[in-house]
Amino acid sequence: MNRNVTLSLPSRTLRRLKVLAAERGTSISRLLTETLDEILNRETGYGRARRRSLAALEQGWSLDTGGRVDWRRDELHER
């Protein structure tokens, strides 16, 4: 369902927006909708990824060592 919104734009911005929409063969409304959808998709994707990453950092990772380190660095890098 579409809803109408009133925007207040500077005259110069509106003129440029009209030209851009005409060049793309679309309406100002469609151009703004696509742009806003793109912003929202990027933000929500970023937000989800950020929350997952922060939760993983908070939980930490298990190296299954039980807290023991029974090797030396040089042993790990032997050739």
PDB file of N, CA and C in Angstrom:
ATOM      1  N   MET A   1       0.840  -1.180   0.000  1.00  0.00           N
ATOM      2  CA  MET A   1       0.000   0.000   0.000  1.00  0.00           C
ATOM      3  C   MET A   1       0.886   1.244   0.000  1.00  0.00           C
ATOM      4  N   ASN A   2       0.661   2.114  -0.919  1.00  0.00           N
ATOM      5  CA  ASN A   2       1.434   3.352  -1.008  1.00  0.00           C
ATOM      6  C   ASN A   2       0.783   4.448  -0.185  1.00  0.00           C
ATOM      7  N   ARG A   3       1.622   5.277   0.398  1.00  0.00           N
ATOM      8  CA  ARG A   3       1.156   6.434   1.166  1.00  0.00           C
ATOM      9  C   ARG A   3       1.806   7.674   0.578  1.00  0.00           C
ATOM     10  N   ASN A   4       1.093   8.759   0.572  1.00  0.00           N
ATOM     11  CA  ASN A   4       1.641  10.021   0.081  1.00  0.00           C
ATOM     12  C   ASN A   4       2.421  10.714   1.183  1.00  0.00           C
ATOM     13  N   VAL A   5       3.515  11.356   0.788  1.00  0.00           N
ATOM     14  CA  VAL A   5       4.374  12.090   1.709  1.00  0.00           C
ATOM     15  C   VAL A   5       4.679  13.442   1.072  1.00  0.00           C
ATOM     16  N   THR A   6       4.701  14.468   1.879  1.00  0.00           N
ATOM     17  CA  THR A   6       5.059  15.797   1.385  1.00  0.00           C
ATOM     18  C   THR A   6       6.501  16.083   1.755  1.00  0.00           C
ATOM     19  N   LEU A   7       7.291  16.448   0.764  1.00  0.00           N
ATOM     20  CA  LEU A   7       8.692  16.784   0.989  1.00  0.00           C
ATOM     21  C   LEU A   7       8.914  18.258   0.699  1.00  0.00           C
ATOM     22  N   SER A   8       9.815  18.832   1.427  1.00  0.00           N
ATOM     23  CA  SER A   8      10.227  20.204   1.167  1.00  0.00           C
ATOM     24  C   SER A   8      11.666  20.153   0.660  1.00  0.00           C
ATOM     25  N   LEU A   9      11.836  20.469  -0.626  1.00  0.00           N
ATOM     26  CA  LEU A   9      13.157  20.409  -1.249  1.00  0.00           C
ATOM     27  C   LEU A   9      13.528  21.778  -1.799  1.00  0.00           C
ATOM     28  N   PRO A  10      14.802  22.100  -1.767  1.00  0.00           N
ATOM     29  CA  PRO A  10      15.239  23.341  -2.416  1.00  0.00           C
ATOM     30  C   PRO A  10      14.911  23.279  -3.912  1.00  0.00           C
ATOM     31  N   SER A  11      14.592  24.427  -4.489  1.00  0.00           N
ATOM     32  CA  SER A  11      14.205  24.487  -5.911  1.00  0.00           C
ATOM     33  C   SER A  11      15.259  23.868  -6.813  1.00  0.00           C
ATOM     34  N   ARG A  12      16.507  24.170  -6.548  1.00  0.00           N
ATOM     35  CA  ARG A  12      17.597  23.646  -7.385  1.00  0.00           C
ATOM     36  C   ARG A  12      17.641  22.115  -7.318  1.00  0.00           C
ATOM     37  N   THR A  13      17.472  21.575  -6.120  1.00  0.00           N
ATOM     38  CA  THR A  13      17.471  20.117  -5.948  1.00  0.00           C
ATOM     39  C   THR A  13      16.311  19.492  -6.703  1.00  0.00           C
ATOM     40  N   LEU A  14      15.140  20.102  -6.613  1.00  0.00           N
ATOM     41  CA  LEU A  14      13.965  19.573  -7.301  1.00  0.00           C
ATOM     42  C   LEU A  14      14.169  19.597  -8.816  1.00  0.00           C
ATOM     43  N   ARG A  15      14.739  20.681  -9.337  1.00  0.00           N
ATOM     44  CA  ARG A  15      15.004  20.753 -10.784  1.00  0.00           C
ATOM     45  C   ARG A  15      15.956  19.645 -11.219  1.00  0.00           C
ATOM     46  N   ARG A  16      17.015  19.465 -10.450  1.00  0.00           N
ATOM     47  CA  ARG A  16      17.996  18.431 -10.796  1.00  0.00           C
ATOM     48  C   ARG A  16      17.371  17.039 -10.698  1.00  0.00           C
ATOM     49  N   LEU A  17      16.523  16.852  -9.715  1.00  0.00           N
ATOM     50  CA  LEU A  17      15.845  15.567  -9.531  1.00  0.00           C
ATOM     51  C   LEU A  17      14.910  15.274 -10.701  1.00  0.00           C
ATOM     52  N   LYS A  18      14.198  16.296 -11.161  1.00  0.00           N
ATOM     53  CA  LYS A  18      13.310  16.125 -12.317  1.00  0.00           C
ATOM     54  C   LYS A  18      14.103  15.724 -13.558  1.00  0.00           C
ATOM     55  N   VAL A  19      15.237  16.374 -13.761  1.00  0.00           N
ATOM     56  CA  VAL A  19      16.083  16.061 -14.921  1.00  0.00           C
ATOM     57  C   VAL A  19      16.596  14.627 -14.824  1.00  0.00           C
ATOM     58  N   LEU A  20      17.073  14.247 -13.648  1.00  0.00           N
ATOM     59  CA  LEU A  20      17.595  12.890 -13.461  1.00  0.00           C
ATOM     60  C   LEU A  20      16.511  11.844 -13.709  1.00  0.00           C
ATOM     61  N   ALA A  21      15.326  12.072 -13.171  1.00  0.00           N
ATOM     62  CA  ALA A  21      14.221  11.129 -13.371  1.00  0.00           C
ATOM     63  C   ALA A  21      13.879  11.026 -14.856  1.00  0.00           C
ATOM     64  N   ALA A  22      13.846  12.153 -15.544  1.00  0.00           N
ATOM     65  CA  ALA A  22      13.538  12.145 -16.979  1.00  0.00           C
ATOM     66  C   ALA A  22      14.613  11.394 -17.760  1.00  0.00           C
ATOM     67  N   GLU A  23      15.872  11.619 -17.400  1.00  0.00           N
ATOM     68  CA  GLU A  23      16.967  10.920 -18.087  1.00  0.00           C
ATOM     69  C   GLU A  23      16.867   9.412 -17.903  1.00  0.00           C
ATOM     70  N   ARG A  24      16.389   8.995 -16.753  1.00  0.00           N
ATOM     71  CA  ARG A  24      16.260   7.558 -16.470  1.00  0.00           C
ATOM     72  C   ARG A  24      14.917   6.997 -16.913  1.00  0.00           C
ATOM     73  N   GLY A  25      14.053   7.857 -17.407  1.00  0.00           N
ATOM     74  CA  GLY A  25      12.751   7.411 -17.884  1.00  0.00           C
ATOM     75  C   GLY A  25      11.848   6.931 -16.765  1.00  0.00           C
ATOM     76  N   THR A  26      11.901   7.599 -15.634  1.00  0.00           N
ATOM     77  CA  THR A  26      11.095   7.200 -14.489  1.00  0.00           C
ATOM     78  C   THR A  26      10.520   8.444 -13.822  1.00  0.00           C
ATOM     79  N   SER A  27       9.758   8.248 -12.791  1.00  0.00           N
ATOM     80  CA  SER A  27       9.180   9.373 -12.058  1.00  0.00           C
ATOM     81  C   SER A  27      10.054   9.722 -10.856  1.00  0.00           C
ATOM     82  N   ILE A  28       9.853  10.911 -10.338  1.00  0.00           N
ATOM     83  CA  ILE A  28      10.566  11.314  -9.125  1.00  0.00           C
ATOM     84  C   ILE A  28      10.201  10.365  -7.990  1.00  0.00           C
ATOM     85  N   SER A  29       8.936  10.026  -7.894  1.00  0.00           N
ATOM     86  CA  SER A  29       8.478   9.130  -6.834  1.00  0.00           C
ATOM     87  C   SER A  29       9.185   7.779  -6.911  1.00  0.00           C
ATOM     88  N   ARG A  30       9.268   7.221  -8.108  1.00  0.00           N
ATOM     89  CA  ARG A  30       9.918   5.919  -8.293  1.00  0.00           C
ATOM     90  C   ARG A  30      11.415   6.010  -8.002  1.00  0.00           C
ATOM     91  N   LEU A  31      12.040   7.089  -8.448  1.00  0.00           N
ATOM     92  CA  LEU A  31      13.460   7.297  -8.209  1.00  0.00           C
ATOM     93  C   LEU A  31      13.746   7.375  -6.708  1.00  0.00           C
ATOM     94  N   LEU A  32      12.935   8.139  -5.988  1.00  0.00           N
ATOM     95  CA  LEU A  32      13.120   8.259  -4.539  1.00  0.00           C
ATOM     96  C   LEU A  32      12.837   6.936  -3.829  1.00  0.00           C
ATOM     97  N   THR A  33      11.813   6.225  -4.269  1.00  0.00           N
ATOM     98  CA  THR A  33      11.482   4.934  -3.658  1.00  0.00           C
ATOM     99  C   THR A  33      12.635   3.952  -3.811  1.00  0.00           C
ATOM    100  N   GLU A  34      13.193   3.856  -5.017  1.00  0.00           N
ATOM    101  CA  GLU A  34      14.315   2.941  -5.251  1.00  0.00           C
ATOM    102  C   GLU A  34      15.529   3.322  -4.407  1.00  0.00           C
ATOM    103  N   THR A  35      15.803   4.621  -4.333  1.00  0.00           N
ATOM    104  CA  THR A  35      16.952   5.090  -3.557  1.00  0.00           C
ATOM    105  C   THR A  35      16.759   4.819  -2.071  1.00  0.00           C
ATOM    106  N   LEU A  36      15.576   5.099  -1.557  1.00  0.00           N
ATOM    107  CA  LEU A  36      15.306   4.863  -0.135  1.00  0.00           C
ATOM    108  C   LEU A  36      15.314   3.370   0.191  1.00  0.00           C
ATOM    109  N   ASP A  37      14.768   2.545  -0.700  1.00  0.00           N
ATOM    110  CA  ASP A  37      14.815   1.092  -0.488  1.00  0.00           C
ATOM    111  C   ASP A  37      16.254   0.598  -0.425  1.00  0.00           C
ATOM    112  N   GLU A  38      17.090   1.120  -1.304  1.00  0.00           N
ATOM    113  CA  GLU A  38      18.500   0.732  -1.317  1.00  0.00           C
ATOM    114  C   GLU A  38      19.177   1.107   0.006  1.00  0.00           C
ATOM    115  N   ILE A  39      18.906   2.298   0.496  1.00  0.00           N
ATOM    116  CA  ILE A  39      19.480   2.740   1.774  1.00  0.00           C
ATOM    117  C   ILE A  39      18.998   1.842   2.908  1.00  0.00           C
ATOM    118  N   LEU A  40      17.714   1.561   2.945  1.00  0.00           N
ATOM    119  CA  LEU A  40      17.158   0.728   4.017  1.00  0.00           C
ATOM    120  C   LEU A  40      17.704  -0.692   3.974  1.00  0.00           C
ATOM    121  N   ASN A  41      17.821  -1.264   2.788  1.00  0.00           N
ATOM    122  CA  ASN A  41      18.368  -2.616   2.671  1.00  0.00           C
ATOM    123  C   ASN A  41      19.815  -2.668   3.133  1.00  0.00           C
ATOM    124  N   ARG A  42      20.579  -1.663   2.772  1.00  0.00           N
ATOM    125  CA  ARG A  42      21.983  -1.611   3.173  1.00  0.00           C
ATOM    126  C   ARG A  42      22.095  -1.455   4.690  1.00  0.00           C
ATOM    127  N   GLU A  43      21.284  -0.597   5.256  1.00  0.00           N
ATOM    128  CA  GLU A  43      21.343  -0.344   6.699  1.00  0.00           C
ATOM    129  C   GLU A  43      20.881  -1.556   7.501  1.00  0.00           C
ATOM    130  N   THR A  44      19.798  -2.180   7.091  1.00  0.00           N
ATOM    131  CA  THR A  44      19.308  -3.318   7.861  1.00  0.00           C
ATOM    132  C   THR A  44      20.251  -4.503   7.723  1.00  0.00           C
ATOM    133  N   GLY A  45      20.830  -4.702   6.550  1.00  0.00           N
ATOM    134  CA  GLY A  45      21.813  -5.772   6.382  1.00  0.00           C
ATOM    135  C   GLY A  45      23.035  -5.522   7.237  1.00  0.00           C
ATOM    136  N   TYR A  46      23.485  -4.284   7.244  1.00  0.00           N
ATOM    137  CA  TYR A  46      24.637  -3.914   8.064  1.00  0.00           C
ATOM    138  C   TYR A  46      24.309  -4.090   9.542  1.00  0.00           C
ATOM    139  N   GLY A  47      23.139  -3.642   9.947  1.00  0.00           N
ATOM    140  CA  GLY A  47      22.750  -3.742  11.354  1.00  0.00           C
ATOM    141  C   GLY A  47      22.712  -5.182  11.841  1.00  0.00           C
ATOM    142  N   ARG A  48      22.147  -6.057  11.017  1.00  0.00           N
ATOM    143  CA  ARG A  48      22.087  -7.478  11.380  1.00  0.00           C
ATOM    144  C   ARG A  48      23.477  -8.078  11.492  1.00  0.00           C
ATOM    145  N   ALA A  49      24.314  -7.792  10.510  1.00  0.00           N
ATOM    146  CA  ALA A  49      25.680  -8.328  10.521  1.00  0.00           C
ATOM    147  C   ALA A  49      26.457  -7.799  11.720  1.00  0.00           C
ATOM    148  N   ARG A  50      26.263  -6.539  12.046  1.00  0.00           N
ATOM    149  CA  ARG A  50      26.959  -5.933  13.190  1.00  0.00           C
ATOM    150  C   ARG A  50      26.536  -6.607  14.490  1.00  0.00           C
ATOM    151  N   ARG A  51      25.232  -6.807  14.662  1.00  0.00           N
ATOM    152  CA  ARG A  51      24.738  -7.464  15.886  1.00  0.00           C
ATOM    153  C   ARG A  51      25.273  -8.891  16.007  1.00  0.00           C
ATOM    154  N   ARG A  52      25.291  -9.630  14.888  1.00  0.00           N
ATOM    155  CA  ARG A  52      25.826 -10.995  14.914  1.00  0.00           C
ATOM    156  C   ARG A  52      27.300 -10.992  15.288  1.00  0.00           C
ATOM    157  N   SER A  53      28.041 -10.080  14.705  1.00  0.00           N
ATOM    158  CA  SER A  53      29.480 -10.009  14.982  1.00  0.00           C
ATOM    159  C   SER A  53      29.749  -9.644  16.430  1.00  0.00           C
ATOM    160  N   LEU A  54      29.018  -8.681  16.957  1.00  0.00           N
ATOM    161  CA  LEU A  54      29.214  -8.284  18.353  1.00  0.00           C
ATOM    162  C   LEU A  54      28.839  -9.415  19.308  1.00  0.00           C
ATOM    163  N   ALA A  55      27.782 -10.151  18.987  1.00  0.00           N
ATOM    164  CA  ALA A  55      27.390 -11.284  19.828  1.00  0.00           C
ATOM    165  C   ALA A  55      28.467 -12.362  19.801  1.00  0.00           C
ATOM    166  N   ALA A  56      29.041 -12.622  18.632  1.00  0.00           N
ATOM    167  CA  ALA A  56      30.108 -13.624  18.528  1.00  0.00           C
ATOM    168  C   ALA A  56      31.332 -13.186  19.315  1.00  0.00           C
ATOM    169  N   LEU A  57      31.675 -11.912  19.254  1.00  0.00           N
ATOM    170  CA  LEU A  57      32.810 -11.411  20.030  1.00  0.00           C
ATOM    171  C   LEU A  57      32.549 -11.540  21.524  1.00  0.00           C
ATOM    172  N   GLU A  58      31.328 -11.255  21.923  1.00  0.00           N
ATOM    173  CA  GLU A  58      30.960 -11.344  23.339  1.00  0.00           C
ATOM    174  C   GLU A  58      31.066 -12.790  23.833  1.00  0.00           C
ATOM    175  N   GLN A  59      30.607 -13.721  23.007  1.00  0.00           N
ATOM    176  CA  GLN A  59      30.629 -15.137  23.374  1.00  0.00           C
ATOM    177  C   GLN A  59      32.046 -15.689  23.340  1.00  0.00           C
ATOM    178  N   GLY A  60      32.828 -15.248  22.396  1.00  0.00           N
ATOM    179  CA  GLY A  60      34.193 -15.756  22.256  1.00  0.00           C
ATOM    180  C   GLY A  60      34.219 -17.036  21.438  1.00  0.00           C
ATOM    181  N   TRP A  61      35.420 -17.503  21.139  1.00  0.00           N
ATOM    182  CA  TRP A  61      35.584 -18.714  20.343  1.00  0.00           C
ATOM    183  C   TRP A  61      36.344 -19.747  21.156  1.00  0.00           C
ATOM    184  N   SER A  62      35.976 -20.988  20.950  1.00  0.00           N
ATOM    185  CA  SER A  62      36.651 -22.081  21.633  1.00  0.00           C
ATOM    186  C   SER A  62      37.712 -22.668  20.714  1.00  0.00           C
ATOM    187  N   LEU A  63      38.917 -22.795  21.234  1.00  0.00           N
ATOM    188  CA  LEU A  63      39.984 -23.455  20.489  1.00  0.00           C
ATOM    189  C   LEU A  63      40.156 -24.896  20.954  1.00  0.00           C
ATOM    190  N   ASP A  64      39.241 -25.344  21.819  1.00  0.00           N
ATOM    191  CA  ASP A  64      39.235 -26.712  22.354  1.00  0.00           C
ATOM    192  C   ASP A  64      40.554 -27.083  23.022  1.00  0.00           C
ATOM    193  N   THR A  65      41.157 -26.137  23.701  1.00  0.00           N
ATOM    194  CA  THR A  65      42.408 -26.424  24.408  1.00  0.00           C
ATOM    195  C   THR A  65      42.171 -26.619  25.899  1.00  0.00           C
ATOM    196  N   GLY A  66      40.961 -26.325  26.345  1.00  0.00           N
ATOM    197  CA  GLY A  66      40.679 -26.420  27.772  1.00  0.00           C
ATOM    198  C   GLY A  66      41.506 -25.422  28.571  1.00  0.00           C
ATOM    199  N   GLY A  67      41.980 -24.398  27.919  1.00  0.00           N
ATOM    200  CA  GLY A  67      42.782 -23.386  28.594  1.00  0.00           C
ATOM    201  C   GLY A  67      44.260 -23.728  28.675  1.00  0.00           C
ATOM    202  N   ARG A  68      44.651 -24.884  28.127  1.00  0.00           N
ATOM    203  CA  ARG A  68      46.054 -25.301  28.175  1.00  0.00           C
ATOM    204  C   ARG A  68      46.744 -24.973  26.861  1.00  0.00           C
ATOM    205  N   VAL A  69      47.934 -24.499  26.966  1.00  0.00           N
ATOM    206  CA  VAL A  69      48.775 -24.289  25.787  1.00  0.00           C
ATOM    207  C   VAL A  69      50.024 -25.119  26.032  1.00  0.00           C
ATOM    208  N   ASP A  70      50.076 -26.300  25.402  1.00  0.00           N
ATOM    209  CA  ASP A  70      51.201 -27.198  25.642  1.00  0.00           C
ATOM    210  C   ASP A  70      52.076 -27.351  24.397  1.00  0.00           C
ATOM    211  N   TRP A  71      52.213 -26.291  23.663  1.00  0.00           N
ATOM    212  CA  TRP A  71      53.114 -26.265  22.528  1.00  0.00           C
ATOM    213  C   TRP A  71      53.847 -24.929  22.529  1.00  0.00           C
ATOM    214  N   ARG A  72      54.939 -24.922  21.812  1.00  0.00           N
ATOM    215  CA  ARG A  72      55.709 -23.686  21.693  1.00  0.00           C
ATOM    216  C   ARG A  72      55.521 -23.131  20.289  1.00  0.00           C
ATOM    217  N   ARG A  73      55.688 -21.855  20.186  1.00  0.00           N
ATOM    218  CA  ARG A  73      55.496 -21.180  18.906  1.00  0.00           C
ATOM    219  C   ARG A  73      56.405 -21.764  17.832  1.00  0.00           C
ATOM    220  N   ASP A  74      57.661 -21.994  18.170  1.00  0.00           N
ATOM    221  CA  ASP A  74      58.592 -22.518  17.168  1.00  0.00           C
ATOM    222  C   ASP A  74      58.181 -23.914  16.703  1.00  0.00           C
ATOM    223  N   GLU A  75      57.533 -24.702  17.562  1.00  0.00           N
ATOM    224  CA  GLU A  75      57.048 -26.024  17.155  1.00  0.00           C
ATOM    225  C   GLU A  75      55.936 -25.896  16.107  1.00  0.00           C
ATOM    226  N   LEU A  76      55.119 -24.887  16.255  1.00  0.00           N
ATOM    227  CA  LEU A  76      54.027 -24.688  15.302  1.00  0.00           C
ATOM    228  C   LEU A  76      54.539 -24.275  13.930  1.00  0.00           C
ATOM    229  N   HIS A  77      55.705 -23.647  13.908  1.00  0.00           N
ATOM    230  CA  HIS A  77      56.225 -23.107  12.655  1.00  0.00           C
ATOM    231  C   HIS A  77      57.411 -23.903  12.113  1.00  0.00           C
ATOM    232  N   GLU A  78      57.598 -25.138  12.599  1.00  0.00           N
ATOM    233  CA  GLU A  78      58.675 -25.976  12.072  1.00  0.00           C
ATOM    234  C   GLU A  78      58.409 -26.282  10.615  1.00  0.00           C
ATOM    235  N   ARG A  79      59.493 -26.376   9.866  1.00  0.00           N
ATOM    236  CA  ARG A  79      59.343 -26.681   8.430  1.00  0.00           C
ATOM    237  C   ARG A  79      59.902 -28.024   8.115  1.00  0.00           C
TER     238      ARG A  79
END
